[in-house]
Amino acid sequence: MRPVRARLMTLALCLTAGSLKAHADAGTTTPGAKLTGGYMAMIDRAVESALPEWRSFYKVCHENPELSSQEKESAARLAGIFRDAGITVTEKVGGHGVVGVLRNGQGPTVLIRGDMDALPIVEETGLPYASRKTVTLPDGHTVGVMHACGHDMHQTVLAATAQTLGALKDQWKGTVLFIAQPAEEIGTGARLMIEDGLFEKFPKPDYCIALHVNHELMTGTVGYTPGSVWANVDSVDITVYGKGGHGAYPHASIDPVVTAAHIITSLQTIVSRRINPLQEAVVTVGAVHAGTKHNIIPDTARLQITVRTFTDDVRKEVLDSIKRIAVHTARAMGCPKDPDVVVLDKEFTPACFNDPELTAHGVKVFSEILGEDKVLLRPPSMGGEDFGRFGKHLGVPSFMFVLGVVDEARYKASLEPGGPALPTVHSPMFQTDPEPTIRTGVRCMTALAMSLLNGAHR
């Protein structure tokens, strides 16, 4: 890969040489004119010029994934690219977070976020640039590491958008805040950056925007969801206390495993009987830990639960119901003391809400760029995303759109009767089609940012 600084100089010369023609072709932006004004041709020229470099950068990211809170190399790569684009950089914000500030006169401030962390999954895609990285966890267990949620693409689009906006500074005014965020997969990265003074040390944004890959959409398309788009995520730990003993003499014990089984069954009534059927909620027991041997009744059983909701009132009802069911079931079973029911507040991820007006503006921009048939309305997801914490903390509009990553052949094959299912995110088989995905992501993100910086949303 050519040095980033040298490539940027070439890109800047290319843009300058073509800018007059782009203005002549597009005309002056007037009320009723396209939101992208006269700068879309220059964005496209920048994208096509730099796309081979960005594809190489994407492969480097994919081959070198890092787990949550361990994103040292990823952060260093992005910090270097930001600096070479003329952006003021601060590292180690909230862990390995990187903040880049690009000031360009008076105007709005736009936050653009990309996350960096990967997952403990052994990659099985067979790609020539597949991750072969492994790590040893604190318990001594060795696992593979993979960008199975597309954060390699998120990093690439963030870096490419930073370079493009840096090269097109004569086309917009304002400030851009580039956020390379750690620890999204464990739901702590945004909170830790905010607690480390993100909005005290750096400009406060007027808008927050981001994207996320989508395993159900074809390359060249994007999706949007007005309003609630990602759910509240809570993690709950329950410890049930029994009285251990010999498996052959259960009457002399109080079995915490049986008690835990009753709790698990009763928890399934929360969504079906406690929550309004028109509201969304999920309660999933993801792990059960108890016992050491066939014929030993243990003293304790532990449950790990994930809870997904959209609203504060439904969240409260679900969490209260979990505690009530656990406590009273244990009492009915004669347990020696009430179970510990612990909501892990530091792992809480608030629901991500797409401001309807900002979302509608984004849809208009994307429709101009891609065509209305490539901009698709999507339902809300019960998945979690801590991007929403930025806008919620400040009370400013946020918008996260989703980016199609599936190549046309695989996408069409999946639609055929009996066709192969598309691997989901968090699958060892998940992969993206890099070049068209990068192209669409950078075009959309850059154009959206420039439209906001130029006041087109007002």
Protein backbone atom coordinates (compact mmCIF):
# COMPACT_ATOMS: atom_id res chain seq x y z
CA MET A 1 0.00 0.00 0.00
CA ARG A 2 1.37 3.46 -0.86
CA PRO A 3 1.95 5.76 2.12
CA VAL A 4 -1.33 7.39 3.12
CA ARG A 5 0.13 10.92 2.99
CA ALA A 6 1.38 10.45 -0.58
CA ARG A 7 -1.96 9.04 -1.67
CA LEU A 8 -3.83 11.93 -0.10
CA MET A 9 -1.69 14.46 -1.99
CA THR A 10 -2.53 12.71 -5.25
CA LEU A 11 -6.20 12.61 -4.29
CA ALA A 12 -6.24 16.32 -3.43
CA LEU A 13 -4.66 17.23 -6.81
CA CYS A 14 -7.22 15.07 -8.60
CA LEU A 15 -10.08 16.74 -6.79
CA THR A 16 -8.77 20.25 -7.40
CA ALA A 17 -8.29 19.61 -11.09
CA GLY A 18 -11.83 18.34 -11.42
CA SER A 19 -13.64 20.72 -9.10
CA LEU A 20 -14.39 23.45 -11.64
CA LYS A 21 -15.93 20.99 -14.07
CA ALA A 22 -17.97 19.46 -11.24
CA HIS A 23 -19.34 22.88 -10.34
CA ALA A 24 -20.12 23.63 -13.96
CA ASP A 25 -21.90 20.31 -14.38
CA ALA A 26 -23.90 20.62 -11.19
CA GLY A 27 -24.66 24.32 -11.13
CA THR A 28 -25.20 26.36 -7.99
CA THR A 29 -27.24 24.86 -5.17
CA THR A 30 -30.56 26.69 -4.84
CA PRO A 31 -33.77 25.99 -2.90
CA GLY A 32 -35.30 22.88 -4.42
CA ALA A 33 -31.99 21.71 -5.86
CA LYS A 34 -30.51 18.36 -4.93
CA LEU A 35 -29.36 18.04 -1.35
CA THR A 36 -25.96 16.88 -2.53
CA GLY A 37 -25.54 20.13 -4.49
CA GLY A 38 -22.48 20.28 -6.69
CA TYR A 39 -20.17 18.09 -4.63
CA MET A 40 -21.35 14.54 -5.42
CA ALA A 41 -19.22 14.37 -8.54
CA MET A 42 -16.15 15.24 -6.45
CA ILE A 43 -17.03 12.63 -3.83
CA ASP A 44 -17.34 10.01 -6.55
CA ARG A 45 -14.03 11.06 -8.06
CA ALA A 46 -12.37 10.74 -4.66
CA VAL A 47 -13.92 7.34 -4.03
CA GLU A 48 -12.87 5.85 -7.34
CA SER A 49 -9.34 7.25 -6.98
CA ALA A 50 -8.81 5.84 -3.49
CA LEU A 51 -10.87 2.64 -3.60
CA PRO A 52 -7.90 0.27 -4.17
CA GLU A 53 -6.14 1.77 -1.14
CA TRP A 54 -9.23 1.45 1.01
CA ARG A 55 -9.74 -2.15 -0.06
CA SER A 56 -6.19 -2.93 1.06
CA PHE A 57 -6.83 -1.18 4.36
CA TYR A 58 -10.00 -3.23 4.84
CA LYS A 59 -8.06 -6.47 4.36
CA VAL A 60 -5.48 -5.38 6.93
CA CYS A 61 -8.29 -4.71 9.41
CA HIS A 62 -9.93 -8.05 8.64
CA GLU A 63 -6.71 -10.02 9.06
CA ASN A 64 -5.86 -8.33 12.36
CA PRO A 65 -8.95 -8.33 14.58
CA GLU A 66 -8.75 -7.42 18.26
CA LEU A 67 -11.18 -8.26 21.04
CA SER A 68 -13.12 -5.64 22.99
CA SER A 69 -10.91 -3.31 25.06
CA GLN A 70 -7.80 -4.69 23.30
CA GLU A 71 -7.98 -2.56 20.11
CA LYS A 72 -4.47 -1.10 20.39
CA GLU A 73 -3.33 -1.76 16.81
CA SER A 74 -6.67 -0.84 15.26
CA ALA A 75 -6.66 2.46 17.13
CA ALA A 76 -3.09 3.23 16.04
CA ARG A 77 -3.95 2.58 12.37
CA LEU A 78 -6.94 4.91 12.45
CA ALA A 79 -5.08 7.59 14.40
CA GLY A 80 -2.35 7.57 11.74
CA ILE A 81 -4.84 7.93 8.91
CA PHE A 82 -6.63 10.78 10.71
CA ARG A 83 -3.35 12.65 11.21
CA ASP A 84 -2.35 12.21 7.58
CA ALA A 85 -5.72 13.70 6.58
CA GLY A 86 -4.94 16.87 8.56
CA ILE A 87 -7.13 15.93 11.53
CA THR A 88 -6.22 16.73 15.13
CA VAL A 89 -6.03 13.41 16.99
CA THR A 90 -6.36 12.39 20.63
CA GLU A 91 -5.78 8.75 21.54
CA LYS A 92 -6.69 6.59 24.55
CA VAL A 93 -10.06 8.18 25.21
CA GLY A 94 -12.11 5.74 27.29
CA GLY A 95 -9.61 2.96 26.70
CA HIS A 96 -8.38 2.62 23.13
CA GLY A 97 -10.83 5.19 21.76
CA VAL A 98 -9.57 7.68 19.18
CA VAL A 99 -11.07 11.14 18.66
CA GLY A 100 -10.28 13.10 15.51
CA VAL A 101 -11.36 16.73 15.21
CA LEU A 102 -11.49 18.38 11.79
CA ARG A 103 -12.28 22.09 12.12
CA ASN A 104 -13.18 24.05 9.01
CA GLY A 105 -14.70 27.40 9.94
CA GLN A 106 -18.10 28.26 11.36
CA GLY A 107 -20.88 25.74 10.93
CA PRO A 108 -22.54 22.68 12.49
CA THR A 109 -20.63 19.93 14.27
CA VAL A 110 -21.20 16.37 13.05
CA LEU A 111 -20.07 13.26 14.94
CA ILE A 112 -19.24 10.24 12.77
CA ARG A 113 -18.61 7.01 14.65
CA GLY A 114 -17.01 3.71 13.66
CA ASP A 115 -16.35 0.86 16.10
CA MET A 116 -13.23 -1.31 16.12
CA ASP A 117 -13.58 -4.48 18.22
CA ALA A 118 -13.96 -8.06 17.01
CA LEU A 119 -15.46 -11.26 18.44
CA PRO A 120 -14.07 -14.50 19.94
CA ILE A 121 -14.99 -16.64 16.91
CA VAL A 122 -12.87 -18.92 14.73
CA GLU A 123 -13.27 -17.69 11.14
CA GLU A 124 -14.47 -20.28 8.62
CA THR A 125 -14.96 -18.17 5.50
CA GLY A 126 -11.96 -19.56 3.63
CA LEU A 127 -11.07 -16.09 2.38
CA PRO A 128 -7.41 -15.58 1.42
CA TYR A 129 -7.26 -12.75 3.97
CA ALA A 130 -9.19 -14.61 6.68
CA SER A 131 -8.19 -14.04 10.27
CA ARG A 132 -5.94 -16.70 11.74
CA LYS A 133 -5.51 -14.87 15.00
CA THR A 134 -6.04 -16.56 18.34
CA VAL A 135 -5.93 -15.27 21.90
CA THR A 136 -5.72 -16.92 25.29
CA LEU A 137 -8.44 -15.82 27.67
CA PRO A 138 -7.86 -15.28 31.41
CA ASP A 139 -9.29 -18.74 32.12
CA GLY A 140 -6.60 -20.30 29.92
CA HIS A 141 -8.98 -21.09 27.06
CA THR A 142 -7.67 -20.29 23.57
CA VAL A 143 -10.14 -18.86 21.06
CA GLY A 144 -10.05 -17.49 17.55
CA VAL A 145 -10.71 -13.81 16.85
CA MET A 146 -12.78 -12.62 13.89
CA HIS A 147 -14.49 -9.52 12.58
CA ALA A 148 -17.80 -11.35 12.42
CA CYS A 149 -19.86 -8.20 12.97
CA GLY A 150 -18.35 -6.03 10.25
CA HIS A 151 -16.33 -3.65 12.38
CA ASP A 152 -13.49 -4.01 9.88
CA MET A 153 -15.83 -2.40 7.34
CA HIS A 154 -16.92 0.21 9.87
CA GLN A 155 -13.26 1.18 10.41
CA THR A 156 -12.65 1.35 6.67
CA VAL A 157 -15.63 3.58 5.96
CA LEU A 158 -14.70 5.85 8.88
CA ALA A 159 -11.11 6.19 7.66
CA ALA A 160 -12.16 6.73 4.05
CA THR A 161 -14.80 9.30 5.00
CA ALA A 162 -12.21 11.18 7.05
CA GLN A 163 -9.82 11.26 4.10
CA THR A 164 -12.53 12.36 1.68
CA LEU A 165 -13.87 15.14 3.91
CA GLY A 166 -10.32 16.29 4.55
CA ALA A 167 -9.67 16.51 0.82
CA LEU A 168 -12.94 18.37 0.15
CA LYS A 169 -12.67 21.08 2.80
CA ASP A 170 -13.43 23.78 0.25
CA GLN A 171 -16.92 22.29 -0.13
CA TRP A 172 -18.18 22.52 3.47
CA LYS A 173 -17.92 24.50 6.69
CA GLY A 174 -18.11 23.38 10.29
CA THR A 175 -16.51 20.70 12.45
CA VAL A 176 -16.39 16.93 12.13
CA LEU A 177 -15.78 14.70 15.13
CA PHE A 178 -14.46 11.29 14.04
CA ILE A 179 -14.93 8.66 16.76
CA ALA A 180 -13.06 5.34 16.54
CA GLN A 181 -14.83 3.52 19.35
CA PRO A 182 -13.64 0.50 21.33
CA ALA A 183 -15.66 -2.16 23.15
CA GLU A 184 -18.96 -1.95 21.30
CA GLU A 185 -19.44 -5.70 21.44
CA ILE A 186 -19.56 -5.64 25.23
CA GLY A 187 -21.64 -2.46 25.33
CA THR A 188 -19.18 -0.33 27.29
CA GLY A 189 -17.17 1.65 24.73
CA ALA A 190 -19.46 4.65 24.22
CA ARG A 191 -20.08 5.00 27.96
CA LEU A 192 -16.38 4.87 28.79
CA MET A 193 -15.55 7.52 26.17
CA ILE A 194 -18.27 9.81 27.54
CA GLU A 195 -17.11 9.24 31.13
CA ASP A 196 -13.57 10.10 30.02
CA GLY A 197 -14.76 13.57 29.01
CA LEU A 198 -15.61 13.09 25.34
CA PHE A 199 -18.08 15.98 25.31
CA GLU A 200 -16.13 18.16 27.74
CA LYS A 201 -12.76 17.94 26.00
CA PHE A 202 -14.03 18.02 22.41
CA PRO A 203 -16.72 19.90 20.46
CA LYS A 204 -20.30 18.91 21.20
CA PRO A 205 -22.02 17.61 18.07
CA ASP A 206 -25.27 18.88 16.61
CA TYR A 207 -25.79 15.53 14.87
CA CYS A 208 -24.51 11.98 15.42
CA ILE A 209 -24.35 9.58 12.47
CA ALA A 210 -23.05 6.05 11.95
CA LEU A 211 -23.60 2.91 9.92
CA HIS A 212 -23.70 -0.83 10.54
CA VAL A 213 -23.29 -3.66 8.05
CA ASN A 214 -26.36 -5.77 7.28
CA HIS A 215 -26.12 -9.44 6.30
CA GLU A 216 -29.55 -9.46 4.61
CA LEU A 217 -28.98 -6.66 2.09
CA MET A 218 -27.19 -6.73 -1.25
CA THR A 219 -24.23 -4.46 -1.93
CA GLY A 220 -25.24 -1.12 -3.38
CA THR A 221 -28.21 -0.83 -1.04
CA VAL A 222 -28.74 0.77 2.36
CA GLY A 223 -31.49 0.40 4.93
CA TYR A 224 -33.09 2.75 7.42
CA THR A 225 -35.44 2.57 10.40
CA PRO A 226 -37.14 5.69 11.78
CA GLY A 227 -37.51 5.76 15.57
CA SER A 228 -36.35 2.81 17.69
CA VAL A 229 -33.81 0.82 15.70
CA TRP A 230 -31.78 -1.16 18.29
CA ALA A 231 -33.00 -2.37 21.68
CA ASN A 232 -32.09 -1.74 25.29
CA VAL A 233 -29.71 -4.52 26.35
CA ASP A 234 -29.51 -5.69 29.96
CA SER A 235 -27.51 -8.55 31.43
CA VAL A 236 -28.81 -10.24 34.57
CA ASP A 237 -27.04 -12.78 36.78
CA ILE A 238 -29.03 -14.99 39.17
CA THR A 239 -27.44 -17.17 41.85
CA VAL A 240 -29.80 -19.75 43.37
CA TYR A 241 -28.84 -21.12 46.79
CA GLY A 242 -29.72 -24.68 47.76
CA LYS A 243 -28.45 -27.33 50.13
CA GLY A 244 -26.00 -29.74 48.58
CA GLY A 245 -25.91 -33.48 49.08
CA HIS A 246 -25.84 -36.93 47.51
CA GLY A 247 -27.84 -37.42 44.33
CA ALA A 248 -29.21 -40.69 45.73
CA TYR A 249 -30.80 -38.89 48.70
CA PRO A 250 -32.49 -35.81 47.21
CA HIS A 251 -34.91 -35.59 50.15
CA ALA A 252 -31.98 -34.62 52.38
CA SER A 253 -31.05 -31.71 50.10
CA ILE A 254 -32.63 -28.64 48.53
CA ASP A 255 -31.81 -28.88 44.86
CA PRO A 256 -30.82 -25.52 43.30
CA VAL A 257 -30.78 -27.11 39.83
CA VAL A 258 -34.47 -28.00 40.01
CA THR A 259 -35.21 -24.56 41.43
CA ALA A 260 -33.28 -22.93 38.57
CA ALA A 261 -35.23 -25.03 36.08
CA HIS A 262 -38.52 -23.77 37.53
CA ILE A 263 -37.24 -20.21 37.40
CA ILE A 264 -36.21 -20.62 33.74
CA THR A 265 -39.65 -21.96 32.84
CA SER A 266 -41.46 -19.20 34.73
CA LEU A 267 -39.34 -16.49 33.12
CA GLN A 268 -40.91 -17.41 29.79
CA THR A 269 -44.24 -16.05 31.04
CA ILE A 270 -42.93 -12.49 31.40
CA VAL A 271 -43.17 -11.57 27.73
CA SER A 272 -46.30 -13.64 27.08
CA ARG A 273 -48.26 -12.61 30.20
CA ARG A 274 -46.75 -9.46 31.72
CA ILE A 275 -45.95 -7.35 28.63
CA ASN A 276 -48.50 -5.75 26.32
CA PRO A 277 -48.56 -7.90 23.14
CA LEU A 278 -48.01 -4.72 21.09
CA GLN A 279 -44.72 -4.04 22.90
CA GLU A 280 -41.45 -5.81 22.14
CA ALA A 281 -39.39 -7.69 24.70
CA VAL A 282 -37.04 -10.68 24.86
CA VAL A 283 -35.88 -12.68 27.89
CA THR A 284 -33.27 -15.33 27.06
CA VAL A 285 -31.38 -17.53 29.52
CA GLY A 286 -28.07 -17.89 27.75
CA ALA A 287 -26.10 -19.89 30.31
CA VAL A 288 -26.73 -22.25 33.23
CA HIS A 289 -23.86 -23.25 35.54
CA ALA A 290 -24.32 -25.85 38.27
CA GLY A 291 -22.74 -28.97 39.68
CA THR A 292 -19.59 -30.97 39.14
CA LYS A 293 -20.62 -34.64 38.97
CA HIS A 294 -23.55 -36.91 38.14
CA ASN A 295 -24.39 -37.88 41.69
CA ILE A 296 -23.78 -34.64 43.57
CA ILE A 297 -26.50 -32.10 44.26
CA PRO A 298 -24.67 -28.75 44.32
CA ASP A 299 -25.09 -25.87 46.74
CA THR A 300 -25.69 -23.28 44.00
CA ALA A 301 -26.88 -22.81 40.44
CA ARG A 302 -26.16 -19.71 38.34
CA LEU A 303 -28.11 -18.28 35.45
CA GLN A 304 -27.00 -15.65 32.93
CA ILE A 305 -29.81 -13.80 31.16
CA THR A 306 -30.04 -11.24 28.38
CA VAL A 307 -33.02 -8.88 28.31
CA ARG A 308 -34.03 -6.80 25.29
CA THR A 309 -36.62 -3.99 25.37
CA PHE A 310 -37.27 -0.66 23.66
CA THR A 311 -38.95 1.52 26.28
CA ASP A 312 -38.07 2.42 29.86
CA ASP A 313 -41.40 1.22 31.29
CA VAL A 314 -41.20 -2.19 29.59
CA ARG A 315 -37.59 -2.53 30.69
CA LYS A 316 -38.55 -1.86 34.31
CA GLU A 317 -41.44 -4.33 34.20
CA VAL A 318 -39.25 -7.10 32.76
CA LEU A 319 -36.42 -6.58 35.24
CA ASP A 320 -38.82 -6.35 38.20
CA SER A 321 -40.58 -9.52 37.02
CA ILE A 322 -37.31 -11.45 36.78
CA LYS A 323 -36.46 -10.63 40.38
CA ARG A 324 -39.96 -11.37 41.63
CA ILE A 325 -40.11 -14.75 39.88
CA ALA A 326 -36.63 -15.77 41.03
CA VAL A 327 -37.20 -14.81 44.67
CA HIS A 328 -40.64 -16.32 45.10
CA THR A 329 -39.83 -19.51 43.19
CA ALA A 330 -36.83 -20.07 45.45
CA ARG A 331 -38.98 -19.48 48.52
CA ALA A 332 -41.61 -21.94 47.27
CA MET A 333 -38.90 -24.56 46.76
CA GLY A 334 -37.63 -24.08 50.33
CA CYS A 335 -34.26 -22.58 49.47
CA PRO A 336 -32.30 -21.49 52.57
CA LYS A 337 -32.05 -17.89 51.36
CA ASP A 338 -33.28 -15.68 48.56
CA PRO A 339 -31.34 -15.78 45.30
CA ASP A 340 -29.02 -12.98 44.30
CA VAL A 341 -30.48 -11.18 41.28
CA VAL A 342 -27.93 -8.75 39.89
CA VAL A 343 -28.58 -6.41 36.96
CA LEU A 344 -25.16 -5.56 35.51
CA ASP A 345 -25.66 -1.81 35.19
CA LYS A 346 -22.21 -1.17 33.72
CA GLU A 347 -23.03 -3.50 30.82
CA PHE A 348 -26.37 -1.83 30.07
CA THR A 349 -26.72 -0.54 26.51
CA PRO A 350 -29.57 1.93 25.95
CA ALA A 351 -31.89 1.64 23.00
CA CYS A 352 -30.69 3.33 19.83
CA PHE A 353 -33.22 5.84 18.49
CA ASN A 354 -33.12 7.27 14.99
CA ASP A 355 -34.44 10.82 14.99
CA PRO A 356 -37.33 10.74 12.47
CA GLU A 357 -36.51 14.09 10.85
CA LEU A 358 -32.80 13.33 10.54
CA THR A 359 -33.64 9.87 9.21
CA ALA A 360 -35.96 11.36 6.58
CA HIS A 361 -33.18 13.73 5.55
CA GLY A 362 -30.75 10.82 5.25
CA VAL A 363 -33.24 8.90 3.11
CA LYS A 364 -33.49 11.86 0.72
CA VAL A 365 -29.71 12.09 0.42
CA PHE A 366 -29.28 8.36 -0.14
CA SER A 367 -32.13 8.25 -2.67
CA GLU A 368 -30.41 10.95 -4.72
CA ILE A 369 -27.15 9.00 -4.66
CA LEU A 370 -28.35 5.42 -5.08
CA GLY A 371 -31.92 5.67 -6.39
CA GLU A 372 -35.06 5.19 -4.30
CA ASP A 373 -35.17 1.45 -5.04
CA LYS A 374 -31.82 1.00 -3.28
CA VAL A 375 -32.90 2.72 -0.04
CA LEU A 376 -34.95 0.23 1.94
CA LEU A 377 -37.18 0.58 5.00
CA ARG A 378 -36.14 -1.95 7.66
CA PRO A 379 -37.89 -3.17 10.82
CA PRO A 380 -36.40 -2.48 14.27
CA SER A 381 -33.95 -5.05 15.64
CA MET A 382 -33.73 -6.57 19.11
CA GLY A 383 -29.95 -6.46 18.75
CA GLY A 384 -27.96 -3.94 20.76
CA GLU A 385 -25.81 -1.00 19.67
CA ASP A 386 -24.28 1.54 22.03
CA PHE A 387 -24.00 4.24 19.34
CA GLY A 388 -27.32 5.60 20.60
CA ARG A 389 -25.68 6.57 23.88
CA PHE A 390 -23.86 9.52 22.24
CA GLY A 391 -26.96 11.34 21.03
CA LYS A 392 -29.02 10.37 24.07
CA HIS A 393 -26.40 11.77 26.43
CA LEU A 394 -26.52 15.19 24.73
CA GLY A 395 -30.12 15.17 23.56
CA VAL A 396 -29.15 15.69 19.91
CA PRO A 397 -30.49 13.90 16.80
CA SER A 398 -28.86 10.60 15.86
CA PHE A 399 -29.13 8.40 12.79
CA MET A 400 -27.62 4.98 12.14
CA PHE A 401 -28.28 3.40 8.75
CA VAL A 402 -27.41 -0.12 7.63
CA LEU A 403 -25.17 -1.06 4.73
CA GLY A 404 -25.71 -4.01 2.40
CA VAL A 405 -22.66 -6.33 2.16
CA VAL A 406 -23.81 -9.40 0.20
CA ASP A 407 -22.60 -9.82 -3.38
CA GLU A 408 -25.33 -10.05 -6.01
CA ALA A 409 -24.79 -13.72 -6.89
CA ARG A 410 -25.02 -14.94 -3.30
CA TYR A 411 -27.94 -12.65 -2.57
CA LYS A 412 -29.99 -13.88 -5.55
CA ALA A 413 -29.12 -17.51 -4.82
CA SER A 414 -30.45 -17.09 -1.28
CA LEU A 415 -33.83 -16.01 -2.66
CA GLU A 416 -34.28 -19.18 -4.72
CA PRO A 417 -36.46 -21.96 -3.26
CA GLY A 418 -34.14 -24.09 -1.16
CA GLY A 419 -31.29 -21.65 -1.77
CA PRO A 420 -28.43 -21.32 0.70
CA ALA A 421 -29.12 -19.10 3.70
CA LEU A 422 -26.96 -16.04 4.09
CA PRO A 423 -24.62 -16.24 7.10
CA THR A 424 -25.64 -13.79 9.79
CA VAL A 425 -23.39 -11.41 11.65
CA HIS A 426 -21.67 -13.21 14.54
CA SER A 427 -21.40 -16.30 12.33
CA PRO A 428 -17.96 -17.84 11.57
CA MET A 429 -19.05 -17.76 7.90
CA PHE A 430 -19.97 -14.06 7.78
CA GLN A 431 -18.22 -12.05 5.09
CA THR A 432 -18.63 -8.86 3.10
CA ASP A 433 -18.05 -8.05 -0.56
CA PRO A 434 -15.42 -5.36 0.08
CA GLU A 435 -15.17 -3.08 -2.94
CA PRO A 436 -18.85 -2.31 -3.65
CA THR A 437 -19.60 -2.16 0.08
CA ILE A 438 -16.83 0.38 0.70
CA ARG A 439 -17.94 2.42 -2.31
CA THR A 440 -21.55 2.65 -1.14
CA GLY A 441 -20.64 3.27 2.50
CA VAL A 442 -18.21 6.10 1.79
CA ARG A 443 -20.44 7.77 -0.80
CA CYS A 444 -23.42 7.75 1.55
CA MET A 445 -21.60 8.71 4.73
CA THR A 446 -19.62 11.51 3.13
CA ALA A 447 -22.61 12.96 1.30
CA LEU A 448 -24.78 12.80 4.42
CA ALA A 449 -22.12 14.54 6.50
CA MET A 450 -21.58 17.27 3.91
CA SER A 451 -25.31 17.88 3.57
CA LEU A 452 -25.55 18.42 7.34
CA LEU A 453 -22.44 20.60 7.45
CA ASN A 454 -23.85 22.72 4.62
CA GLY A 455 -27.14 23.20 6.46
CA ALA A 456 -29.32 21.20 4.10
CA HIS A 457 -31.15 19.60 7.05
CA ARG A 458 -32.44 22.92 8.37
